[in-house]
Amino acid sequence: MCAHKEMKLESPSGPNGRDDRLSSLELLRWYATLFRGDVPRIALGVGLSLIQSLVLVPIPLILRKILDHDIPEHDVRGLLLAGGGALALYLVYGVMTFSSGSLTLMATKRVTEMLRARLCIQLQQLSLRFHDREKASELHARVVLDTGST
């Protein structure tokens, strides 16, 4: 696919003739700085994700109570309470899933938009020879697909 084809820029070396590309660790640190303004939002999203898993823990215990006690003893009130409790836990789980996903999506969407804008600026600064050599559709696909996978 065109998004994974090796794209060669004009020159990997900087103005002083040496290679100015970032190491993997430096690139990761730079990428983390892009999320600096979203740390509270991301932390809340991660916290909600952790709590989500805890919300589901009582459900097997509730089902065991229903199967072992409420149904054999024909306890309709206990069955309704236990079933309602399980349903409420699933509802809380769904709300937390939506909330944590929305919080993290807001942060990643902002960063993705910023990366695309920076990448478009970089592409506009490349030489005409580069743009003559590359197809516009492939460049567009590469920008969208590569930044969309962040």
C-alpha atoms as a PDB file:
ATOM      1  CA  MET A   1       0.000   0.000   0.000  1.00  0.00           C
ATOM      2  CA  CYS A   2       1.250   3.481  -0.741  1.00  0.00           C
ATOM      3  CA  ALA A   3       1.182   4.616   2.891  1.00  0.00           C
ATOM      4  CA  HIS A   4       3.897   2.138   3.817  1.00  0.00           C
ATOM      5  CA  LYS A   5       6.165   2.779   0.823  1.00  0.00           C
ATOM      6  CA  GLU A   6       9.473   4.297   1.808  1.00  0.00           C
ATOM      7  CA  MET A   7       9.347   8.055   1.243  1.00  0.00           C
ATOM      8  CA  LYS A   8      12.727   9.632   0.622  1.00  0.00           C
ATOM      9  CA  LEU A   9      13.046  13.307   1.336  1.00  0.00           C
ATOM     10  CA  GLU A  10      15.526  15.531  -0.434  1.00  0.00           C
ATOM     11  CA  SER A  11      18.310  15.100   2.083  1.00  0.00           C
ATOM     12  CA  PRO A  12      18.350  13.478   5.526  1.00  0.00           C
ATOM     13  CA  SER A  13      21.262  15.657   6.554  1.00  0.00           C
ATOM     14  CA  GLY A  14      20.899  19.104   8.038  1.00  0.00           C
ATOM     15  CA  PRO A  15      22.538  22.335   6.901  1.00  0.00           C
ATOM     16  CA  ASN A  16      25.850  21.313   8.470  1.00  0.00           C
ATOM     17  CA  GLY A  17      25.969  18.043   6.503  1.00  0.00           C
ATOM     18  CA  ARG A  18      25.293  15.661   9.396  1.00  0.00           C
ATOM     19  CA  ASP A  19      22.229  13.486   9.943  1.00  0.00           C
ATOM     20  CA  ASP A  20      19.710  15.468  12.041  1.00  0.00           C
ATOM     21  CA  ARG A  21      17.092  12.753  12.396  1.00  0.00           C
ATOM     22  CA  LEU A  22      15.828  12.005  15.899  1.00  0.00           C
ATOM     23  CA  SER A  23      16.520   8.743  17.675  1.00  0.00           C
ATOM     24  CA  SER A  24      13.537   6.613  18.696  1.00  0.00           C
ATOM     25  CA  LEU A  25      13.737   7.808  22.300  1.00  0.00           C
ATOM     26  CA  GLU A  26      13.976  11.456  21.265  1.00  0.00           C
ATOM     27  CA  LEU A  27      11.026  10.989  18.921  1.00  0.00           C
ATOM     28  CA  LEU A  28       8.974   9.377  21.686  1.00  0.00           C
ATOM     29  CA  ARG A  29       9.804  12.239  24.058  1.00  0.00           C
ATOM     30  CA  TRP A  30       8.835  14.789  21.417  1.00  0.00           C
ATOM     31  CA  TYR A  31       5.577  12.940  20.765  1.00  0.00           C
ATOM     32  CA  ALA A  32       4.796  12.893  24.501  1.00  0.00           C
ATOM     33  CA  THR A  33       5.263  16.674  24.663  1.00  0.00           C
ATOM     34  CA  LEU A  34       2.439  17.057  22.162  1.00  0.00           C
ATOM     35  CA  PHE A  35       0.041  15.707  24.814  1.00  0.00           C
ATOM     36  CA  ARG A  36       1.293  18.041  27.562  1.00  0.00           C
ATOM     37  CA  GLY A  37      -1.886  20.139  27.625  1.00  0.00           C
ATOM     38  CA  ASP A  38      -4.083  17.051  27.765  1.00  0.00           C
ATOM     39  CA  VAL A  39      -2.513  15.292  30.744  1.00  0.00           C
ATOM     40  CA  PRO A  40      -5.547  15.762  33.053  1.00  0.00           C
ATOM     41  CA  ARG A  41      -7.925  14.554  30.351  1.00  0.00           C
ATOM     42  CA  ILE A  42      -5.792  11.501  29.556  1.00  0.00           C
ATOM     43  CA  ALA A  43      -5.272  10.714  33.251  1.00  0.00           C
ATOM     44  CA  LEU A  44      -9.033  10.866  33.852  1.00  0.00           C
ATOM     45  CA  GLY A  45      -9.630   8.619  30.837  1.00  0.00           C
ATOM     46  CA  VAL A  46      -7.089   6.072  32.066  1.00  0.00           C
ATOM     47  CA  GLY A  47      -8.525   6.235  35.595  1.00  0.00           C
ATOM     48  CA  LEU A  48     -12.024   5.599  34.279  1.00  0.00           C
ATOM     49  CA  SER A  49     -10.712   2.664  32.248  1.00  0.00           C
ATOM     50  CA  LEU A  50      -9.207   1.120  35.372  1.00  0.00           C
ATOM     51  CA  ILE A  51     -12.412   1.611  37.358  1.00  0.00           C
ATOM     52  CA  GLN A  52     -14.378   0.055  34.491  1.00  0.00           C
ATOM     53  CA  SER A  53     -12.790  -3.301  35.098  1.00  0.00           C
ATOM     54  CA  LEU A  54     -13.622  -3.115  38.797  1.00  0.00           C
ATOM     55  CA  VAL A  55     -17.284  -2.384  38.046  1.00  0.00           C
ATOM     56  CA  LEU A  56     -17.669  -5.767  36.350  1.00  0.00           C
ATOM     57  CA  VAL A  57     -16.138  -7.789  39.215  1.00  0.00           C
ATOM     58  CA  PRO A  58     -19.383  -8.228  41.240  1.00  0.00           C
ATOM     59  CA  ILE A  59     -21.456  -9.471  38.288  1.00  0.00           C
ATOM     60  CA  PRO A  60     -20.409 -13.159  38.521  1.00  0.00           C
ATOM     61  CA  LEU A  61     -21.149 -13.046  42.260  1.00  0.00           C
ATOM     62  CA  ILE A  62     -24.591 -11.597  41.579  1.00  0.00           C
ATOM     63  CA  LEU A  63     -25.287 -14.290  38.979  1.00  0.00           C
ATOM     64  CA  ARG A  64     -24.167 -16.985  41.404  1.00  0.00           C
ATOM     65  CA  LYS A  65     -26.573 -15.597  44.028  1.00  0.00           C
ATOM     66  CA  ILE A  66     -29.401 -15.613  41.492  1.00  0.00           C
ATOM     67  CA  LEU A  67     -28.713 -19.183  40.354  1.00  0.00           C
ATOM     68  CA  ASP A  68     -27.901 -20.670  43.775  1.00  0.00           C
ATOM     69  CA  HIS A  69     -30.405 -18.879  46.009  1.00  0.00           C
ATOM     70  CA  ASP A  70     -33.030 -16.706  44.351  1.00  0.00           C
ATOM     71  CA  ILE A  71     -34.270 -19.108  41.669  1.00  0.00           C
ATOM     72  CA  PRO A  72     -34.323 -22.303  43.823  1.00  0.00           C
ATOM     73  CA  GLU A  73     -36.036 -20.462  46.700  1.00  0.00           C
ATOM     74  CA  HIS A  74     -38.505 -18.696  44.345  1.00  0.00           C
ATOM     75  CA  ASP A  75     -37.401 -15.350  45.786  1.00  0.00           C
ATOM     76  CA  VAL A  76     -38.818 -12.919  43.218  1.00  0.00           C
ATOM     77  CA  ARG A  77     -37.865  -9.848  45.221  1.00  0.00           C
ATOM     78  CA  GLY A  78     -34.239 -11.021  45.565  1.00  0.00           C
ATOM     79  CA  LEU A  79     -34.162 -11.954  41.872  1.00  0.00           C
ATOM     80  CA  LEU A  80     -35.385  -8.496  40.850  1.00  0.00           C
ATOM     81  CA  LEU A  81     -32.947  -6.734  43.173  1.00  0.00           C
ATOM     82  CA  ALA A  82     -29.978  -8.816  42.035  1.00  0.00           C
ATOM     83  CA  GLY A  83     -30.933  -8.537  38.362  1.00  0.00           C
ATOM     84  CA  GLY A  84     -31.446  -4.783  38.719  1.00  0.00           C
ATOM     85  CA  GLY A  85     -28.067  -4.467  40.432  1.00  0.00           C
ATOM     86  CA  ALA A  86     -26.350  -6.373  37.620  1.00  0.00           C
ATOM     87  CA  LEU A  87     -28.128  -4.237  35.038  1.00  0.00           C
ATOM     88  CA  ALA A  88     -27.104  -1.054  36.895  1.00  0.00           C
ATOM     89  CA  LEU A  89     -23.467  -2.204  36.949  1.00  0.00           C
ATOM     90  CA  TYR A  90     -23.563  -2.842  33.191  1.00  0.00           C
ATOM     91  CA  LEU A  91     -25.070   0.609  32.681  1.00  0.00           C
ATOM     92  CA  VAL A  92     -22.314   2.225  34.784  1.00  0.00           C
ATOM     93  CA  TYR A  93     -19.757   0.221  32.787  1.00  0.00           C
ATOM     94  CA  GLY A  94     -21.194   1.505  29.510  1.00  0.00           C
ATOM     95  CA  VAL A  95     -21.180   5.131  30.669  1.00  0.00           C
ATOM     96  CA  MET A  96     -17.579   4.792  31.854  1.00  0.00           C
ATOM     97  CA  THR A  97     -16.548   3.168  28.572  1.00  0.00           C
ATOM     98  CA  PHE A  98     -18.077   6.019  26.586  1.00  0.00           C
ATOM     99  CA  SER A  99     -16.593   8.685  28.881  1.00  0.00           C
ATOM    100  CA  SER A 100     -13.053   7.309  28.910  1.00  0.00           C
ATOM    101  CA  GLY A 101     -13.112   6.797  25.145  1.00  0.00           C
ATOM    102  CA  SER A 102     -14.374  10.324  24.557  1.00  0.00           C
ATOM    103  CA  LEU A 103     -11.742  11.866  26.824  1.00  0.00           C
ATOM    104  CA  THR A 104      -8.827  10.107  25.173  1.00  0.00           C
ATOM    105  CA  LEU A 105     -10.259  10.688  21.704  1.00  0.00           C
ATOM    106  CA  MET A 106     -10.403  14.446  22.296  1.00  0.00           C
ATOM    107  CA  ALA A 107      -6.716  14.491  23.180  1.00  0.00           C
ATOM    108  CA  THR A 108      -5.592  12.302  20.288  1.00  0.00           C
ATOM    109  CA  LYS A 109      -7.768  14.178  17.791  1.00  0.00           C
ATOM    110  CA  ARG A 110      -6.145  17.485  18.733  1.00  0.00           C
ATOM    111  CA  VAL A 111      -2.647  16.013  18.408  1.00  0.00           C
ATOM    112  CA  THR A 112      -3.498  14.329  15.096  1.00  0.00           C
ATOM    113  CA  GLU A 113      -4.756  17.626  13.664  1.00  0.00           C
ATOM    114  CA  MET A 114      -1.578  19.355  14.824  1.00  0.00           C
ATOM    115  CA  LEU A 115       0.642  16.646  13.303  1.00  0.00           C
ATOM    116  CA  ARG A 116      -1.215  16.830   9.985  1.00  0.00           C
ATOM    117  CA  ALA A 117      -0.830  20.607   9.889  1.00  0.00           C
ATOM    118  CA  ARG A 118       2.913  20.356  10.632  1.00  0.00           C
ATOM    119  CA  LEU A 119       3.335  17.636   8.028  1.00  0.00           C
ATOM    120  CA  CYS A 120       1.520  19.681   5.384  1.00  0.00           C
ATOM    121  CA  ILE A 121       3.777  22.645   6.139  1.00  0.00           C
ATOM    122  CA  GLN A 122       6.813  20.378   5.755  1.00  0.00           C
ATOM    123  CA  LEU A 123       5.483  19.002   2.468  1.00  0.00           C
ATOM    124  CA  GLN A 124       4.921  22.517   1.128  1.00  0.00           C
ATOM    125  CA  GLN A 125       8.542  23.401   1.878  1.00  0.00           C
ATOM    126  CA  LEU A 126       9.908  20.516  -0.192  1.00  0.00           C
ATOM    127  CA  SER A 127      11.302  21.185  -3.637  1.00  0.00           C
ATOM    128  CA  LEU A 128       9.320  21.090  -6.843  1.00  0.00           C
ATOM    129  CA  ARG A 129      11.432  18.134  -7.932  1.00  0.00           C
ATOM    130  CA  PHE A 130      10.100  16.131  -4.986  1.00  0.00           C
ATOM    131  CA  HIS A 131       6.496  17.006  -5.846  1.00  0.00           C
ATOM    132  CA  ASP A 132       7.053  16.142  -9.518  1.00  0.00           C
ATOM    133  CA  ARG A 133       8.400  12.745  -8.491  1.00  0.00           C
ATOM    134  CA  GLU A 134       5.601  11.892  -6.009  1.00  0.00           C
ATOM    135  CA  LYS A 135       1.934  11.481  -6.840  1.00  0.00           C
ATOM    136  CA  ALA A 136      -0.352  13.900  -5.006  1.00  0.00           C
ATOM    137  CA  SER A 137      -2.800  11.103  -4.189  1.00  0.00           C
ATOM    138  CA  GLU A 138      -0.045   9.025  -2.579  1.00  0.00           C
ATOM    139  CA  LEU A 139       1.178  11.969  -0.521  1.00  0.00           C
ATOM    140  CA  HIS A 140      -2.360  12.708   0.648  1.00  0.00           C
ATOM    141  CA  ALA A 141      -2.965   9.059   1.539  1.00  0.00           C
ATOM    142  CA  ARG A 142       0.330   8.881   3.406  1.00  0.00           C
ATOM    143  CA  VAL A 143      -0.451  12.007   5.438  1.00  0.00           C
ATOM    144  CA  VAL A 144      -3.957  10.833   6.337  1.00  0.00           C
ATOM    145  CA  LEU A 145      -3.108   7.189   7.039  1.00  0.00           C
ATOM    146  CA  ASP A 146       0.156   7.769   8.889  1.00  0.00           C
ATOM    147  CA  THR A 147      -1.192  10.532  11.124  1.00  0.00           C
ATOM    148  CA  GLY A 148      -4.454   8.656  11.642  1.00  0.00           C
ATOM    149  CA  SER A 149      -2.571   5.741  13.183  1.00  0.00           C
ATOM    150  CA  THR A 150      -1.134   7.880  15.992  1.00  0.00           C
END
